[in-house]
C-alpha atoms as a PDB file:
ATOM      1  CA  MET A   1     -32.617 -11.438  33.099  1.00  0.00           C
ATOM      2  CA  PRO A   2     -30.793  -8.197  33.852  1.00  0.00           C
ATOM      3  CA  THR A   3     -32.686  -4.937  34.192  1.00  0.00           C
ATOM      4  CA  PRO A   4     -32.522  -2.280  31.462  1.00  0.00           C
ATOM      5  CA  SER A   5     -30.408  -0.082  33.740  1.00  0.00           C
ATOM      6  CA  GLU A   6     -27.857  -2.876  34.208  1.00  0.00           C
ATOM      7  CA  VAL A   7     -27.527  -3.237  30.453  1.00  0.00           C
ATOM      8  CA  ALA A   8     -27.371   0.548  29.992  1.00  0.00           C
ATOM      9  CA  ARG A   9     -24.410   0.723  32.393  1.00  0.00           C
ATOM     10  CA  LEU A  10     -22.241  -1.501  30.191  1.00  0.00           C
ATOM     11  CA  THR A  11     -19.145   0.261  28.920  1.00  0.00           C
ATOM     12  CA  PRO A  12     -18.703   0.689  25.153  1.00  0.00           C
ATOM     13  CA  LYS A  13     -15.981  -1.987  25.241  1.00  0.00           C
ATOM     14  CA  GLN A  14     -18.262  -4.409  27.055  1.00  0.00           C
ATOM     15  CA  ARG A  15     -21.071  -3.715  24.586  1.00  0.00           C
ATOM     16  CA  GLY A  16     -18.721  -4.374  21.678  1.00  0.00           C
ATOM     17  CA  VAL A  17     -17.640  -7.697  23.136  1.00  0.00           C
ATOM     18  CA  LEU A  18     -21.253  -8.618  23.928  1.00  0.00           C
ATOM     19  CA  GLU A  19     -22.308  -7.905  20.341  1.00  0.00           C
ATOM     20  CA  LEU A  20     -19.540 -10.147  18.993  1.00  0.00           C
ATOM     21  CA  VAL A  21     -20.306 -12.907  21.502  1.00  0.00           C
ATOM     22  CA  ALA A  22     -23.959 -12.707  20.425  1.00  0.00           C
ATOM     23  CA  ALA A  23     -22.827 -13.026  16.804  1.00  0.00           C
ATOM     24  CA  GLY A  24     -21.294 -16.373  17.737  1.00  0.00           C
ATOM     25  CA  GLU A  25     -17.657 -15.302  17.540  1.00  0.00           C
ATOM     26  CA  PRO A  26     -15.083 -17.170  19.660  1.00  0.00           C
ATOM     27  CA  ASP A  27     -12.690 -15.253  21.921  1.00  0.00           C
ATOM     28  CA  LYS A  28      -9.781 -15.561  19.472  1.00  0.00           C
ATOM     29  CA  THR A  29     -11.785 -14.018  16.642  1.00  0.00           C
ATOM     30  CA  ILE A  30     -13.099 -11.245  18.884  1.00  0.00           C
ATOM     31  CA  ALA A  31      -9.530 -10.527  20.007  1.00  0.00           C
ATOM     32  CA  LYS A  32      -8.309 -10.237  16.409  1.00  0.00           C
ATOM     33  CA  ARG A  33     -11.185  -7.928  15.460  1.00  0.00           C
ATOM     34  CA  LEU A  34     -10.609  -5.654  18.445  1.00  0.00           C
ATOM     35  CA  GLY A  35      -6.811  -5.805  18.333  1.00  0.00           C
ATOM     36  CA  ARG A  36      -6.641  -7.244  21.841  1.00  0.00           C
ATOM     37  CA  SER A  37      -5.343 -10.452  23.391  1.00  0.00           C
ATOM     38  CA  PRO A  38      -7.634 -13.468  23.775  1.00  0.00           C
ATOM     39  CA  SER A  39      -7.024 -13.379  27.543  1.00  0.00           C
ATOM     40  CA  LEU A  40      -8.313  -9.794  27.731  1.00  0.00           C
ATOM     41  CA  VAL A  41     -11.414 -10.764  25.743  1.00  0.00           C
ATOM     42  CA  HIS A  42     -11.945 -13.725  28.076  1.00  0.00           C
ATOM     43  CA  LYS A  43     -11.697 -11.302  31.009  1.00  0.00           C
ATOM     44  CA  ARG A  44     -14.291  -8.999  29.407  1.00  0.00           C
ATOM     45  CA  VAL A  45     -16.642 -11.966  28.904  1.00  0.00           C
ATOM     46  CA  ARG A  46     -16.262 -12.889  32.593  1.00  0.00           C
ATOM     47  CA  GLU A  47     -17.028  -9.255  33.498  1.00  0.00           C
ATOM     48  CA  LEU A  48     -20.172  -9.441  31.362  1.00  0.00           C
ATOM     49  CA  HIS A  49     -21.275 -12.617  33.143  1.00  0.00           C
ATOM     50  CA  ALA A  50     -20.774 -10.921  36.517  1.00  0.00           C
ATOM     51  CA  ARG A  51     -22.612  -7.733  35.532  1.00  0.00           C
ATOM     52  CA  LEU A  52     -25.506  -9.400  33.753  1.00  0.00           C
ATOM     53  CA  GLY A  53     -25.944 -12.444  35.968  1.00  0.00           C
ATOM     54  CA  THR A  54     -25.304 -14.954  33.210  1.00  0.00           C
ATOM     55  CA  SER A  55     -23.227 -18.110  33.295  1.00  0.00           C
ATOM     56  CA  ASN A  56     -22.675 -18.974  29.631  1.00  0.00           C
ATOM     57  CA  ARG A  57     -22.493 -17.503  26.140  1.00  0.00           C
ATOM     58  CA  VAL A  58     -26.011 -18.650  25.226  1.00  0.00           C
ATOM     59  CA  GLN A  59     -27.425 -16.578  28.076  1.00  0.00           C
ATOM     60  CA  LEU A  60     -25.307 -13.593  27.005  1.00  0.00           C
ATOM     61  CA  THR A  61     -26.697 -13.981  23.490  1.00  0.00           C
ATOM     62  CA  LEU A  62     -30.266 -14.050  24.774  1.00  0.00           C
ATOM     63  CA  VAL A  63     -29.646 -10.867  26.788  1.00  0.00           C
ATOM     64  CA  ALA A  64     -28.145  -9.167  23.735  1.00  0.00           C
ATOM     65  CA  ILE A  65     -31.143 -10.132  21.607  1.00  0.00           C
ATOM     66  CA  ALA A  66     -33.648  -9.086  24.289  1.00  0.00           C
ATOM     67  CA  TYR A  67     -32.078  -5.626  24.596  1.00  0.00           C
ATOM     68  CA  GLY A  68     -31.525  -5.027  20.888  1.00  0.00           C
ATOM     69  CA  LEU A  69     -27.748  -5.456  20.906  1.00  0.00           C
ATOM     70  CA  ALA A  70     -27.965  -8.375  18.479  1.00  0.00           C
ATOM     71  CA  ALA A  71     -30.459  -8.712  15.660  1.00  0.00           C
ATOM     72  CA  THR A  72     -30.773 -12.484  15.470  1.00  0.00           C
ATOM     73  CA  PRO A  73     -29.046 -15.446  17.041  1.00  0.00           C
ATOM     74  CA  PRO A  74     -26.153 -16.957  15.090  1.00  0.00           C
ATOM     75  CA  ARG A  75     -26.931 -19.980  12.972  1.00  0.00           C
ATOM     76  CA  ARG A  76     -25.176 -22.454  15.278  1.00  0.00           C
ATOM     77  CA  PHE A  77     -27.085 -21.029  18.281  1.00  0.00           C
ATOM     78  CA  VAL A  78     -30.389 -21.825  16.587  1.00  0.00           C
ATOM     79  CA  ARG A  79     -29.253 -25.422  16.059  1.00  0.00           C
ATOM     80  CA  VAL A  80     -28.390 -25.715  19.768  1.00  0.00           C
ATOM     81  CA  MET A  81     -31.824 -24.414  20.753  1.00  0.00           C
ATOM     82  CA  VAL A  82     -33.543 -26.992  18.540  1.00  0.00           C
ATOM     83  CA  VAL A  83     -31.402 -29.898  19.779  1.00  0.00           C
ATOM     84  CA  GLU A  84     -31.908 -29.034  23.462  1.00  0.00           C
ATOM     85  CA  ARG A  85     -35.696 -29.101  23.211  1.00  0.00           C
END
């Protein structure tokens, strides 16, 4: 889990992408919402993984929830959590 200072150092663009990832949005949808290319969004997600020490979108979502950047996990995320137990 990243420290609060690591999360606080995220840029506004990175925070925006993190919030949308935590909402369960795929890269293409995030790109359309932000008016960017899917490859740029994919790059931002990789940057988030590097900065926050995560390796997948589920971990990013958990970080976002833990630090108040996402209210609740997306519906499909909850199903994954139940199935993996």
